Amino acid sequence: MSNPFKKILQDEKLPEYLKERVIDNVNFIKLTLDVTGLYAVELPKALHSMIEGAAEEKEIIEDKLNKDKSDD
């Protein structure tokens, strides 16, 4: 089996518009991965911390209310 990469001419250069398209596609893929990461990882983390924080605040408020009732 012959190596197809040996058939590529070393002197040939890609046109500038093709290089720009490749770079644009790579940047689009990176952006897509960043957005996906934000929604798939960071959003659930943020929601979890908000819910956890709300539960802690609820406990603090209940403790204060119970303390006030016991003082009366």
PDB file of N, CA and C in Angstrom:
ATOM      1  N   MET A   1       0.853  -1.185   0.000  1.00  0.00           N
ATOM      2  CA  MET A   1       0.000   0.000   0.000  1.00  0.00           C
ATOM      3  C   MET A   1       0.890   1.237   0.000  1.00  0.00           C
ATOM      4  N   SER A   2       0.616   2.134  -0.910  1.00  0.00           N
ATOM      5  CA  SER A   2       1.460   3.324  -1.038  1.00  0.00           C
ATOM      6  C   SER A   2       0.976   4.425  -0.093  1.00  0.00           C
ATOM      7  N   ASN A   3       1.892   5.257   0.277  1.00  0.00           N
ATOM      8  CA  ASN A   3       1.590   6.361   1.182  1.00  0.00           C
ATOM      9  C   ASN A   3       1.025   7.528   0.372  1.00  0.00           C
ATOM     10  N   PRO A   4      -0.256   7.903   0.595  1.00  0.00           N
ATOM     11  CA  PRO A   4      -0.839   8.993  -0.196  1.00  0.00           C
ATOM     12  C   PRO A   4      -0.226  10.352   0.127  1.00  0.00           C
ATOM     13  N   PHE A   5       0.380  10.501   1.279  1.00  0.00           N
ATOM     14  CA  PHE A   5       0.971  11.786   1.647  1.00  0.00           C
ATOM     15  C   PHE A   5       2.230  12.096   0.845  1.00  0.00           C
ATOM     16  N   LYS A   6       2.834  11.072   0.287  1.00  0.00           N
ATOM     17  CA  LYS A   6       4.015  11.299  -0.543  1.00  0.00           C
ATOM     18  C   LYS A   6       3.634  11.923  -1.881  1.00  0.00           C
ATOM     19  N   LYS A   7       2.354  11.821  -2.254  1.00  0.00           N
ATOM     20  CA  LYS A   7       1.891  12.403  -3.511  1.00  0.00           C
ATOM     21  C   LYS A   7       1.683  13.914  -3.407  1.00  0.00           C
ATOM     22  N   ILE A   8       1.619  14.438  -2.198  1.00  0.00           N
ATOM     23  CA  ILE A   8       1.402  15.868  -1.999  1.00  0.00           C
ATOM     24  C   ILE A   8       2.672  16.619  -2.384  1.00  0.00           C
ATOM     25  N   LEU A   9       2.504  17.621  -3.175  1.00  0.00           N
ATOM     26  CA  LEU A   9       3.645  18.428  -3.581  1.00  0.00           C
ATOM     27  C   LEU A   9       4.013  19.402  -2.469  1.00  0.00           C
ATOM     28  N   GLN A  10       5.268  19.508  -2.192  1.00  0.00           N
ATOM     29  CA  GLN A  10       5.727  20.371  -1.107  1.00  0.00           C
ATOM     30  C   GLN A  10       5.696  21.845  -1.507  1.00  0.00           C
ATOM     31  N   ASP A  11       5.732  22.128  -2.790  1.00  0.00           N
ATOM     32  CA  ASP A  11       5.804  23.514  -3.251  1.00  0.00           C
ATOM     33  C   ASP A  11       4.463  24.223  -3.241  1.00  0.00           C
ATOM     34  N   GLU A  12       3.405  23.467  -3.316  1.00  0.00           N
ATOM     35  CA  GLU A  12       2.087  24.087  -3.421  1.00  0.00           C
ATOM     36  C   GLU A  12       1.682  24.748  -2.111  1.00  0.00           C
ATOM     37  N   LYS A  13       1.008  25.891  -2.247  1.00  0.00           N
ATOM     38  CA  LYS A  13       0.526  26.611  -1.078  1.00  0.00           C
ATOM     39  C   LYS A  13      -0.986  26.737  -1.181  1.00  0.00           C
ATOM     40  N   LEU A  14      -1.605  26.747  -0.026  1.00  0.00           N
ATOM     41  CA  LEU A  14      -3.050  26.906   0.009  1.00  0.00           C
ATOM     42  C   LEU A  14      -3.433  28.357  -0.255  1.00  0.00           C
ATOM     43  N   PRO A  15      -4.553  28.571  -0.899  1.00  0.00           N
ATOM     44  CA  PRO A  15      -5.028  29.945  -1.083  1.00  0.00           C
ATOM     45  C   PRO A  15      -5.405  30.566   0.275  1.00  0.00           C
ATOM     46  N   GLU A  16      -5.271  31.864   0.354  1.00  0.00           N
ATOM     47  CA  GLU A  16      -5.549  32.566   1.610  1.00  0.00           C
ATOM     48  C   GLU A  16      -6.984  32.382   2.077  1.00  0.00           C
ATOM     49  N   TYR A  17      -7.945  32.396   1.137  1.00  0.00           N
ATOM     50  CA  TYR A  17      -9.343  32.252   1.550  1.00  0.00           C
ATOM     51  C   TYR A  17      -9.588  30.891   2.192  1.00  0.00           C
ATOM     52  N   LEU A  18      -8.876  29.865   1.735  1.00  0.00           N
ATOM     53  CA  LEU A  18      -9.038  28.541   2.314  1.00  0.00           C
ATOM     54  C   LEU A  18      -8.457  28.489   3.723  1.00  0.00           C
ATOM     55  N   LYS A  19      -7.316  29.130   3.904  1.00  0.00           N
ATOM     56  CA  LYS A  19      -6.722  29.208   5.240  1.00  0.00           C
ATOM     57  C   LYS A  19      -7.665  29.923   6.208  1.00  0.00           C
ATOM     58  N   GLU A  20      -8.261  31.022   5.741  1.00  0.00           N
ATOM     59  CA  GLU A  20      -9.181  31.784   6.598  1.00  0.00           C
ATOM     60  C   GLU A  20     -10.407  30.953   6.949  1.00  0.00           C
ATOM     61  N   ARG A  21     -10.917  30.191   5.993  1.00  0.00           N
ATOM     62  CA  ARG A  21     -12.081  29.354   6.265  1.00  0.00           C
ATOM     63  C   ARG A  21     -11.763  28.285   7.297  1.00  0.00           C
ATOM     64  N   VAL A  22     -10.583  27.690   7.190  1.00  0.00           N
ATOM     65  CA  VAL A  22     -10.178  26.660   8.151  1.00  0.00           C
ATOM     66  C   VAL A  22     -10.061  27.270   9.542  1.00  0.00           C
ATOM     67  N   ILE A  23      -9.431  28.421   9.641  1.00  0.00           N
ATOM     68  CA  ILE A  23      -9.281  29.091  10.943  1.00  0.00           C
ATOM     69  C   ILE A  23     -10.645  29.491  11.500  1.00  0.00           C
ATOM     70  N   ASP A  24     -11.533  29.993  10.650  1.00  0.00           N
ATOM     71  CA  ASP A  24     -12.879  30.335  11.099  1.00  0.00           C
ATOM     72  C   ASP A  24     -13.630  29.113  11.616  1.00  0.00           C
ATOM     73  N   ASN A  25     -13.487  27.986  10.926  1.00  0.00           N
ATOM     74  CA  ASN A  25     -14.149  26.763  11.363  1.00  0.00           C
ATOM     75  C   ASN A  25     -13.600  26.281  12.708  1.00  0.00           C
ATOM     76  N   VAL A  26     -12.292  26.366  12.868  1.00  0.00           N
ATOM     77  CA  VAL A  26     -11.686  25.971  14.146  1.00  0.00           C
ATOM     78  C   VAL A  26     -12.177  26.889  15.267  1.00  0.00           C
ATOM     79  N   ASN A  27     -12.233  28.191  15.013  1.00  0.00           N
ATOM     80  CA  ASN A  27     -12.726  29.126  16.026  1.00  0.00           C
ATOM     81  C   ASN A  27     -14.191  28.869  16.359  1.00  0.00           C
ATOM     82  N   PHE A  28     -14.983  28.514  15.356  1.00  0.00           N
ATOM     83  CA  PHE A  28     -16.393  28.205  15.597  1.00  0.00           C
ATOM     84  C   PHE A  28     -16.530  26.952  16.461  1.00  0.00           C
ATOM     85  N   ILE A  29     -15.713  25.960  16.199  1.00  0.00           N
ATOM     86  CA  ILE A  29     -15.743  24.738  17.004  1.00  0.00           C
ATOM     87  C   ILE A  29     -15.348  25.041  18.444  1.00  0.00           C
ATOM     88  N   LYS A  30     -14.316  25.861  18.634  1.00  0.00           N
ATOM     89  CA  LYS A  30     -13.899  26.236  19.981  1.00  0.00           C
ATOM     90  C   LYS A  30     -15.014  26.984  20.710  1.00  0.00           C
ATOM     91  N   LEU A  31     -15.666  27.911  20.011  1.00  0.00           N
ATOM     92  CA  LEU A  31     -16.770  28.652  20.605  1.00  0.00           C
ATOM     93  C   LEU A  31     -17.911  27.725  20.983  1.00  0.00           C
ATOM     94  N   THR A  32     -18.229  26.782  20.108  1.00  0.00           N
ATOM     95  CA  THR A  32     -19.287  25.821  20.387  1.00  0.00           C
ATOM     96  C   THR A  32     -18.962  24.985  21.621  1.00  0.00           C
ATOM     97  N   LEU A  33     -17.715  24.562  21.733  1.00  0.00           N
ATOM     98  CA  LEU A  33     -17.309  23.788  22.907  1.00  0.00           C
ATOM     99  C   LEU A  33     -17.391  24.622  24.180  1.00  0.00           C
ATOM    100  N   ASP A  34     -17.020  25.896  24.107  1.00  0.00           N
ATOM    101  CA  ASP A  34     -17.112  26.776  25.271  1.00  0.00           C
ATOM    102  C   ASP A  34     -18.564  26.959  25.713  1.00  0.00           C
ATOM    103  N   VAL A  35     -19.442  27.208  24.761  1.00  0.00           N
ATOM    104  CA  VAL A  35     -20.861  27.406  25.088  1.00  0.00           C
ATOM    105  C   VAL A  35     -21.453  26.121  25.651  1.00  0.00           C
ATOM    106  N   THR A  36     -21.107  24.995  25.047  1.00  0.00           N
ATOM    107  CA  THR A  36     -21.594  23.708  25.539  1.00  0.00           C
ATOM    108  C   THR A  36     -21.105  23.469  26.961  1.00  0.00           C
ATOM    109  N   GLY A  37     -19.848  23.797  27.217  1.00  0.00           N
ATOM    110  CA  GLY A  37     -19.307  23.639  28.571  1.00  0.00           C
ATOM    111  C   GLY A  37     -20.031  24.507  29.583  1.00  0.00           C
ATOM    112  N   LEU A  38     -20.370  25.720  29.173  1.00  0.00           N
ATOM    113  CA  LEU A  38     -21.091  26.606  30.082  1.00  0.00           C
ATOM    114  C   LEU A  38     -22.456  26.037  30.456  1.00  0.00           C
ATOM    115  N   TYR A  39     -23.173  25.547  29.468  1.00  0.00           N
ATOM    116  CA  TYR A  39     -24.514  25.021  29.730  1.00  0.00           C
ATOM    117  C   TYR A  39     -24.494  23.643  30.355  1.00  0.00           C
ATOM    118  N   ALA A  40     -23.524  22.824  30.008  1.00  0.00           N
ATOM    119  CA  ALA A  40     -23.503  21.450  30.494  1.00  0.00           C
ATOM    120  C   ALA A  40     -22.834  21.315  31.860  1.00  0.00           C
ATOM    121  N   VAL A  41     -21.888  22.188  32.165  1.00  0.00           N
ATOM    122  CA  VAL A  41     -21.121  22.045  33.406  1.00  0.00           C
ATOM    123  C   VAL A  41     -21.370  23.205  34.363  1.00  0.00           C
ATOM    124  N   GLU A  42     -21.155  24.409  33.889  1.00  0.00           N
ATOM    125  CA  GLU A  42     -21.201  25.563  34.777  1.00  0.00           C
ATOM    126  C   GLU A  42     -22.616  25.908  35.241  1.00  0.00           C
ATOM    127  N   LEU A  43     -23.601  25.786  34.368  1.00  0.00           N
ATOM    128  CA  LEU A  43     -24.976  26.098  34.752  1.00  0.00           C
ATOM    129  C   LEU A  43     -25.476  25.167  35.858  1.00  0.00           C
ATOM    130  N   PRO A  44     -25.301  23.849  35.734  1.00  0.00           N
ATOM    131  CA  PRO A  44     -25.715  22.979  36.845  1.00  0.00           C
ATOM    132  C   PRO A  44     -24.968  23.276  38.146  1.00  0.00           C
ATOM    133  N   LYS A  45     -23.681  23.622  38.038  1.00  0.00           N
ATOM    134  CA  LYS A  45     -22.926  23.984  39.244  1.00  0.00           C
ATOM    135  C   LYS A  45     -23.528  25.218  39.909  1.00  0.00           C
ATOM    136  N   ALA A  46     -23.855  26.219  39.088  1.00  0.00           N
ATOM    137  CA  ALA A  46     -24.429  27.453  39.622  1.00  0.00           C
ATOM    138  C   ALA A  46     -25.789  27.189  40.256  1.00  0.00           C
ATOM    139  N   LEU A  47     -26.618  26.408  39.596  1.00  0.00           N
ATOM    140  CA  LEU A  47     -27.932  26.081  40.159  1.00  0.00           C
ATOM    141  C   LEU A  47     -27.794  25.312  41.464  1.00  0.00           C
ATOM    142  N   HIS A  48     -26.857  24.382  41.502  1.00  0.00           N
ATOM    143  CA  HIS A  48     -26.637  23.611  42.724  1.00  0.00           C
ATOM    144  C   HIS A  48     -26.214  24.520  43.873  1.00  0.00           C
ATOM    145  N   SER A  49     -25.303  25.437  43.598  1.00  0.00           N
ATOM    146  CA  SER A  49     -24.844  26.325  44.667  1.00  0.00           C
ATOM    147  C   SER A  49     -25.955  27.276  45.115  1.00  0.00           C
ATOM    148  N   MET A  50     -26.816  27.692  44.176  1.00  0.00           N
ATOM    149  CA  MET A  50     -27.944  28.556  44.562  1.00  0.00           C
ATOM    150  C   MET A  50     -28.921  27.805  45.446  1.00  0.00           C
ATOM    151  N   ILE A  51     -29.243  26.578  45.071  1.00  0.00           N
ATOM    152  CA  ILE A  51     -30.180  25.778  45.863  1.00  0.00           C
ATOM    153  C   ILE A  51     -29.585  25.466  47.222  1.00  0.00           C
ATOM    154  N   GLU A  52     -28.307  25.120  47.240  1.00  0.00           N
ATOM    155  CA  GLU A  52     -27.634  24.822  48.500  1.00  0.00           C
ATOM    156  C   GLU A  52     -27.606  26.060  49.396  1.00  0.00           C
ATOM    157  N   GLY A  53     -27.321  27.226  48.789  1.00  0.00           N
ATOM    158  CA  GLY A  53     -27.287  28.468  49.560  1.00  0.00           C
ATOM    159  C   GLY A  53     -28.661  28.818  50.106  1.00  0.00           C
ATOM    160  N   ALA A  54     -29.699  28.584  49.326  1.00  0.00           N
ATOM    161  CA  ALA A  54     -31.059  28.868  49.782  1.00  0.00           C
ATOM    162  C   ALA A  54     -31.428  27.957  50.950  1.00  0.00           C
ATOM    163  N   ALA A  55     -31.012  26.709  50.891  1.00  0.00           N
ATOM    164  CA  ALA A  55     -31.299  25.778  51.990  1.00  0.00           C
ATOM    165  C   ALA A  55     -30.586  26.221  53.269  1.00  0.00           C
ATOM    166  N   GLU A  56     -29.347  26.682  53.137  1.00  0.00           N
ATOM    167  CA  GLU A  56     -28.602  27.155  54.305  1.00  0.00           C
ATOM    168  C   GLU A  56     -29.272  28.398  54.900  1.00  0.00           C
ATOM    169  N   GLU A  57     -29.702  29.324  54.032  1.00  0.00           N
ATOM    170  CA  GLU A  57     -30.384  30.522  54.521  1.00  0.00           C
ATOM    171  C   GLU A  57     -31.687  30.167  55.219  1.00  0.00           C
ATOM    172  N   LYS A  58     -32.393  29.200  54.690  1.00  0.00           N
ATOM    173  CA  LYS A  58     -33.643  28.762  55.313  1.00  0.00           C
ATOM    174  C   LYS A  58     -33.376  28.213  56.715  1.00  0.00           C
ATOM    175  N   GLU A  59     -32.329  27.424  56.846  1.00  0.00           N
ATOM    176  CA  GLU A  59     -31.976  26.880  58.158  1.00  0.00           C
ATOM    177  C   GLU A  59     -31.617  27.998  59.133  1.00  0.00           C
ATOM    178  N   ILE A  60     -30.878  28.997  58.686  1.00  0.00           N
ATOM    179  CA  ILE A  60     -30.494  30.118  59.558  1.00  0.00           C
ATOM    180  C   ILE A  60     -31.732  30.874  60.021  1.00  0.00           C
ATOM    181  N   ILE A  61     -32.648  31.133  59.102  1.00  0.00           N
ATOM    182  CA  ILE A  61     -33.878  31.855  59.447  1.00  0.00           C
ATOM    183  C   ILE A  61     -34.712  31.038  60.420  1.00  0.00           C
ATOM    184  N   GLU A  62     -34.852  29.742  60.177  1.00  0.00           N
ATOM    185  CA  GLU A  62     -35.623  28.892  61.078  1.00  0.00           C
ATOM    186  C   GLU A  62     -34.988  28.852  62.459  1.00  0.00           C
ATOM    187  N   ASP A  63     -33.669  28.795  62.521  1.00  0.00           N
ATOM    188  CA  ASP A  63     -32.974  28.792  63.820  1.00  0.00           C
ATOM    189  C   ASP A  63     -33.236  30.096  64.574  1.00  0.00           C
ATOM    190  N   LYS A  64     -33.202  31.223  63.864  1.00  0.00           N
ATOM    191  CA  LYS A  64     -33.464  32.508  64.507  1.00  0.00           C
ATOM    192  C   LYS A  64     -34.904  32.584  65.004  1.00  0.00           C
ATOM    193  N   LEU A  65     -35.838  32.095  64.197  1.00  0.00           N
ATOM    194  CA  LEU A  65     -37.235  32.119  64.600  1.00  0.00           C
ATOM    195  C   LEU A  65     -37.460  31.218  65.818  1.00  0.00           C
ATOM    196  N   ASN A  66     -36.847  30.056  65.812  1.00  0.00           N
ATOM    197  CA  ASN A  66     -36.983  29.147  66.944  1.00  0.00           C
ATOM    198  C   ASN A  66     -36.325  29.743  68.202  1.00  0.00           C
ATOM    199  N   LYS A  67     -35.216  30.441  68.027  1.00  0.00           N
ATOM    200  CA  LYS A  67     -34.533  31.062  69.160  1.00  0.00           C
ATOM    201  C   LYS A  67     -35.422  32.174  69.737  1.00  0.00           C
ATOM    202  N   ASP A  68     -36.041  32.979  68.848  1.00  0.00           N
ATOM    203  CA  ASP A  68     -36.918  34.057  69.297  1.00  0.00           C
ATOM    204  C   ASP A  68     -38.126  33.487  70.037  1.00  0.00           C
ATOM    205  N   LYS A  69     -38.672  32.390  69.576  1.00  0.00           N
ATOM    206  CA  LYS A  69     -39.827  31.760  70.230  1.00  0.00           C
ATOM    207  C   LYS A  69     -39.451  31.213  71.593  1.00  0.00           C
ATOM    208  N   SER A  70     -38.232  30.661  71.684  1.00  0.00           N
ATOM    209  CA  SER A  70     -37.815  30.098  72.970  1.00  0.00           C
ATOM    210  C   SER A  70     -37.470  31.189  73.980  1.00  0.00           C
ATOM    211  N   ASP A  71     -37.090  32.380  73.509  1.00  0.00           N
ATOM    212  CA  ASP A  71     -36.787  33.486  74.400  1.00  0.00           C
ATOM    213  C   ASP A  71     -38.059  34.057  75.016  1.00  0.00           C
ATOM    214  N   ASP A  72     -39.184  33.906  74.313  1.00  0.00           N
ATOM    215  CA  ASP A  72     -40.455  34.468  74.829  1.00  0.00           C
ATOM    216  C   ASP A  72     -40.978  33.660  75.932  1.00  0.00           C
TER     217      ASP A  72
END
